Amino acid sequence: MKVSFHGHSVVMIETNGKKILIDPFINGNTQTDLDADTVECDVILLTHGHNDHVGDTVEIAKRNDALVVATADLATYLGFQGLNVHGMNIGGAYEFDFGRVKLTQAFHSSHYTEEETQTIVYTGMPTGILFTAEGKTIYHVGDTGLFSDLKLIGEMNDIDLAFIPIGDNFTMGPEDAAVAAKWIGAKTVVPIHYNTFPVIEQDPNVFIEKLDGIEGVALKPGESITL
């Protein structure tokens, strides 16, 4: 299984002959190496409805005829736009042909902003994503603050790789993210959701230095880990 990071919260998982793209915010993402007009995927997983996570989902999904998996509210909204969707909710899991997806809690907000009409569309609760395939489990924590049930999630799952936000202001900062990493107990941790905008500028190495006995890897856009 190949897992690559593409700036902000964008992650690509390649497994079972499929490409799974998480939170494909590409246009407007100053940190990504991807091109929304050419990126290929079979599945898109979304943590929540903010524009910097839904990103280019509609265009990418239509061009690739990709399945979009999201909370029921967000899936319904995207289904109205002609996408092939599978709605889920927090605590629920589903076994797809490409792997098992389970949505977890996240403490954040979730809405889609339609700039032209200055309308905010509610898109349900924000989530994290537990993805399991080939005997490996990846946890994309999503946008969240620190909360104690992260420890429970870590105790209930043997997590090989976790993507944890460190940007502060909108999510956990490095200090809280280091606590989250300890509670989650993943074998390897990758920082995400930083340096895309001025208010979330961080040095990922500061976060990695705060990890105690956990392997931390600050992947550059386009770099990958093989599980």
Protein backbone atom coordinates (compact mmCIF):
# COMPACT_ATOMS: atom_id res chain seq x y z
CA MET A 1 0.00 0.00 0.00
CA LYS A 2 1.34 3.41 -0.99
CA VAL A 3 0.21 6.49 0.93
CA SER A 4 1.21 9.94 -0.28
CA PHE A 5 0.73 13.47 1.06
CA HIS A 6 -0.15 16.35 -1.27
CA GLY A 7 -0.30 19.47 0.87
CA HIS A 8 -2.85 20.82 3.35
CA SER A 9 -5.01 17.75 4.18
CA VAL A 10 -4.80 16.00 0.81
CA VAL A 11 -3.84 12.32 1.02
CA MET A 12 -3.76 9.65 -1.68
CA ILE A 13 -3.97 5.93 -0.83
CA GLU A 14 -3.17 3.35 -3.50
CA THR A 15 -4.37 -0.14 -2.58
CA ASN A 16 -6.20 -3.09 -4.12
CA GLY A 17 -5.74 -1.60 -7.57
CA LYS A 18 -7.60 1.57 -6.59
CA LYS A 19 -6.63 5.17 -5.92
CA ILE A 20 -8.41 6.76 -2.96
CA LEU A 21 -8.13 10.54 -2.63
CA ILE A 22 -8.91 12.25 0.69
CA ASP A 23 -10.02 15.91 0.89
CA PRO A 24 -8.93 16.98 -2.64
CA PHE A 25 -8.43 20.71 -2.11
CA ILE A 26 -6.13 21.47 -5.06
CA ASN A 27 -7.06 24.75 -6.79
CA GLY A 28 -6.16 27.47 -4.29
CA ASN A 29 -3.91 25.12 -2.30
CA THR A 30 -0.49 26.77 -2.20
CA GLN A 31 1.16 23.59 -0.92
CA THR A 32 -0.02 20.93 -3.36
CA ASP A 33 1.84 19.24 -6.19
CA LEU A 34 -1.35 17.96 -7.84
CA ASP A 35 -3.27 19.31 -10.83
CA ALA A 36 -7.05 19.12 -10.46
CA ASP A 37 -7.43 18.74 -14.22
CA THR A 38 -5.25 15.63 -14.45
CA VAL A 39 -5.30 13.86 -11.07
CA GLU A 40 -6.72 10.35 -11.26
CA CYS A 41 -8.71 8.53 -8.59
CA ASP A 42 -11.39 5.89 -8.17
CA VAL A 43 -12.73 7.07 -4.82
CA ILE A 44 -12.88 10.36 -2.91
CA LEU A 45 -13.22 10.36 0.87
CA LEU A 46 -14.24 13.61 2.59
CA THR A 47 -13.79 14.48 6.25
CA HIS A 48 -16.17 17.46 6.22
CA GLY A 49 -17.75 20.16 4.08
CA HIS A 50 -15.38 23.13 4.30
CA ASN A 51 -14.22 24.46 0.95
CA ASP A 52 -10.56 23.70 1.74
CA HIS A 53 -11.47 20.01 2.06
CA VAL A 54 -14.26 19.45 -0.47
CA GLY A 55 -12.09 21.49 -2.82
CA ASP A 56 -12.26 20.16 -6.38
CA THR A 57 -14.36 17.10 -5.55
CA VAL A 58 -17.15 17.78 -8.04
CA GLU A 59 -14.88 18.27 -11.03
CA ILE A 60 -12.52 15.41 -10.14
CA ALA A 61 -15.31 12.96 -9.36
CA LYS A 62 -17.17 13.70 -12.61
CA ARG A 63 -14.04 13.40 -14.75
CA ASN A 64 -12.98 10.11 -13.11
CA ASP A 65 -16.48 8.72 -12.49
CA ALA A 66 -15.32 8.35 -8.89
CA LEU A 67 -17.36 7.30 -5.88
CA VAL A 68 -17.58 9.98 -3.17
CA VAL A 69 -17.88 8.83 0.45
CA ALA A 70 -18.89 11.41 3.05
CA THR A 71 -21.34 12.07 5.85
CA ALA A 72 -24.97 11.62 4.80
CA ASP A 73 -25.57 15.38 4.74
CA LEU A 74 -22.53 16.19 2.60
CA ALA A 75 -23.12 13.15 0.38
CA THR A 76 -26.70 14.30 -0.27
CA TYR A 77 -25.51 17.80 -1.16
CA LEU A 78 -22.94 16.39 -3.61
CA GLY A 79 -25.46 13.88 -4.96
CA PHE A 80 -27.67 16.81 -5.95
CA GLN A 81 -24.76 17.87 -8.18
CA GLY A 82 -24.79 14.60 -10.04
CA LEU A 83 -22.07 12.70 -8.21
CA ASN A 84 -22.08 9.01 -7.33
CA VAL A 85 -22.14 9.13 -3.52
CA HIS A 86 -22.21 6.87 -0.49
CA GLY A 87 -23.45 8.53 2.70
CA MET A 88 -22.30 7.46 6.15
CA ASN A 89 -22.31 8.83 9.68
CA ILE A 90 -20.12 8.96 12.77
CA GLY A 91 -19.49 5.55 14.31
CA GLY A 92 -20.59 3.75 11.17
CA ALA A 93 -18.31 1.56 9.05
CA TYR A 94 -18.69 0.05 5.60
CA GLU A 95 -16.68 -2.61 3.77
CA PHE A 96 -16.06 -1.43 0.21
CA ASP A 97 -14.21 -3.42 -2.44
CA PHE A 98 -11.23 -1.09 -1.96
CA GLY A 99 -11.15 -1.23 1.87
CA ARG A 100 -13.05 -0.55 5.08
CA VAL A 101 -14.08 3.00 5.95
CA LYS A 102 -15.20 4.10 9.40
CA LEU A 103 -16.07 7.66 10.36
CA THR A 104 -15.00 8.98 13.75
CA GLN A 105 -15.81 12.05 15.76
CA ALA A 106 -14.02 15.32 15.17
CA PHE A 107 -14.57 18.59 17.04
CA HIS A 108 -14.83 21.27 14.39
CA SER A 109 -17.51 22.82 12.16
CA SER A 110 -18.74 21.76 8.73
CA HIS A 111 -20.38 23.80 6.02
CA TYR A 112 -19.86 24.63 2.37
CA THR A 113 -19.66 28.28 1.36
CA GLU A 114 -21.13 29.22 -2.01
CA GLU A 115 -19.26 32.42 -2.74
CA GLU A 116 -21.40 33.67 -5.64
CA THR A 117 -24.60 33.70 -3.61
CA GLN A 118 -22.87 34.27 -0.24
CA THR A 119 -24.69 31.21 1.06
CA ILE A 120 -23.52 28.79 3.72
CA VAL A 121 -24.78 25.21 3.27
CA TYR A 122 -24.76 23.01 6.38
CA THR A 123 -23.03 19.71 5.61
CA GLY A 124 -23.43 17.68 8.80
CA MET A 125 -20.93 16.80 11.49
CA PRO A 126 -17.18 16.90 10.78
CA THR A 127 -15.38 13.56 10.96
CA GLY A 128 -12.11 11.71 10.97
CA ILE A 129 -11.60 8.67 8.76
CA LEU A 130 -10.30 5.25 9.73
CA PHE A 131 -9.31 3.40 6.57
CA THR A 132 -8.28 -0.26 6.63
CA ALA A 133 -6.95 -2.36 3.75
CA GLU A 134 -4.26 -5.02 3.27
CA GLY A 135 -4.16 -5.50 7.04
CA LYS A 136 -3.10 -1.88 7.63
CA THR A 137 -5.06 0.97 9.23
CA ILE A 138 -4.68 4.64 8.38
CA TYR A 139 -6.30 7.35 10.49
CA HIS A 140 -6.94 10.71 8.87
CA VAL A 141 -7.92 12.68 11.95
CA GLY A 142 -9.56 15.45 9.92
CA ASP A 143 -9.92 18.98 11.24
CA THR A 144 -10.34 18.85 14.99
CA GLY A 145 -9.34 20.19 18.34
CA LEU A 146 -7.93 17.91 21.01
CA PHE A 147 -10.52 15.66 22.66
CA SER A 148 -10.08 12.76 25.04
CA ASP A 149 -11.86 10.12 22.94
CA LEU A 150 -8.84 10.14 20.63
CA LYS A 151 -7.32 7.92 23.29
CA LEU A 152 -10.27 5.53 23.02
CA ILE A 153 -9.92 5.46 19.24
CA GLY A 154 -6.26 4.59 19.67
CA GLU A 155 -7.04 1.83 22.15
CA MET A 156 -9.69 0.29 19.90
CA ASN A 157 -7.63 0.31 16.71
CA ASP A 158 -4.15 -0.83 15.73
CA ILE A 159 -3.21 2.27 13.74
CA ASP A 160 -0.22 2.11 11.45
CA LEU A 161 -0.24 5.65 10.12
CA ALA A 162 -2.00 8.79 11.35
CA PHE A 163 -2.39 12.19 9.67
CA ILE A 164 -2.81 14.85 12.37
CA PRO A 165 -3.51 18.58 11.89
CA ILE A 166 -1.00 20.94 13.51
CA GLY A 167 -1.84 24.35 12.04
CA ASP A 168 -3.53 25.88 15.11
CA ASN A 169 -6.19 28.63 14.81
CA PHE A 170 -8.71 26.32 13.07
CA THR A 171 -7.46 23.00 14.49
CA MET A 172 -5.02 21.64 17.03
CA GLY A 173 -1.65 23.34 17.24
CA PRO A 174 1.64 21.44 17.63
CA GLU A 175 1.37 21.04 21.41
CA ASP A 176 -2.14 19.57 21.40
CA ALA A 177 -1.34 17.53 18.28
CA ALA A 178 1.58 15.91 20.11
CA VAL A 179 -0.79 14.85 22.89
CA ALA A 180 -3.20 13.51 20.27
CA ALA A 181 -0.38 11.50 18.67
CA LYS A 182 0.41 9.91 22.02
CA TRP A 183 -3.23 8.99 22.64
CA ILE A 184 -3.77 7.65 19.12
CA GLY A 185 -0.67 5.48 19.39
CA ALA A 186 0.01 5.20 15.65
CA LYS A 187 3.29 3.68 14.60
CA THR A 188 3.98 6.68 12.36
CA VAL A 189 2.52 10.19 12.44
CA VAL A 190 2.44 12.76 9.62
CA PRO A 191 1.53 16.42 10.30
CA ILE A 192 -1.07 18.03 8.01
CA HIS A 193 -3.18 21.21 7.71
CA TYR A 194 -0.38 23.74 8.05
CA ASN A 195 1.38 26.48 6.01
CA THR A 196 -1.44 26.76 3.45
CA PHE A 197 -2.57 30.13 4.83
CA PRO A 198 -0.70 32.70 6.96
CA VAL A 199 -2.77 31.97 10.09
CA ILE A 200 -1.75 28.28 10.09
CA GLU A 201 1.97 28.66 9.42
CA GLN A 202 3.94 26.12 11.44
CA ASP A 203 7.32 24.39 11.44
CA PRO A 204 6.44 20.67 11.30
CA ASN A 205 9.77 19.77 12.84
CA VAL A 206 8.73 21.53 16.06
CA PHE A 207 5.77 19.15 16.25
CA ILE A 208 7.96 16.13 15.51
CA GLU A 209 10.38 17.15 18.26
CA LYS A 210 7.49 17.06 20.73
CA LEU A 211 6.70 13.41 19.95
CA ASP A 212 7.88 11.00 22.60
CA GLY A 213 8.80 7.59 21.25
CA ILE A 214 6.60 7.97 18.17
CA GLU A 215 8.00 8.17 14.68
CA GLY A 216 7.08 11.47 13.07
CA VAL A 217 7.61 12.19 9.37
CA ALA A 218 7.07 15.61 7.80
CA LEU A 219 6.25 14.59 4.25
CA LYS A 220 6.72 17.15 1.51
CA PRO A 221 3.95 17.36 -1.12
CA GLY A 222 4.28 14.33 -3.37
CA GLU A 223 6.28 12.24 -0.92
CA SER A 224 4.94 8.89 0.19
CA ILE A 225 5.14 6.09 2.74
CA THR A 226 4.82 2.42 1.87
CA LEU A 227 2.95 0.24 4.38
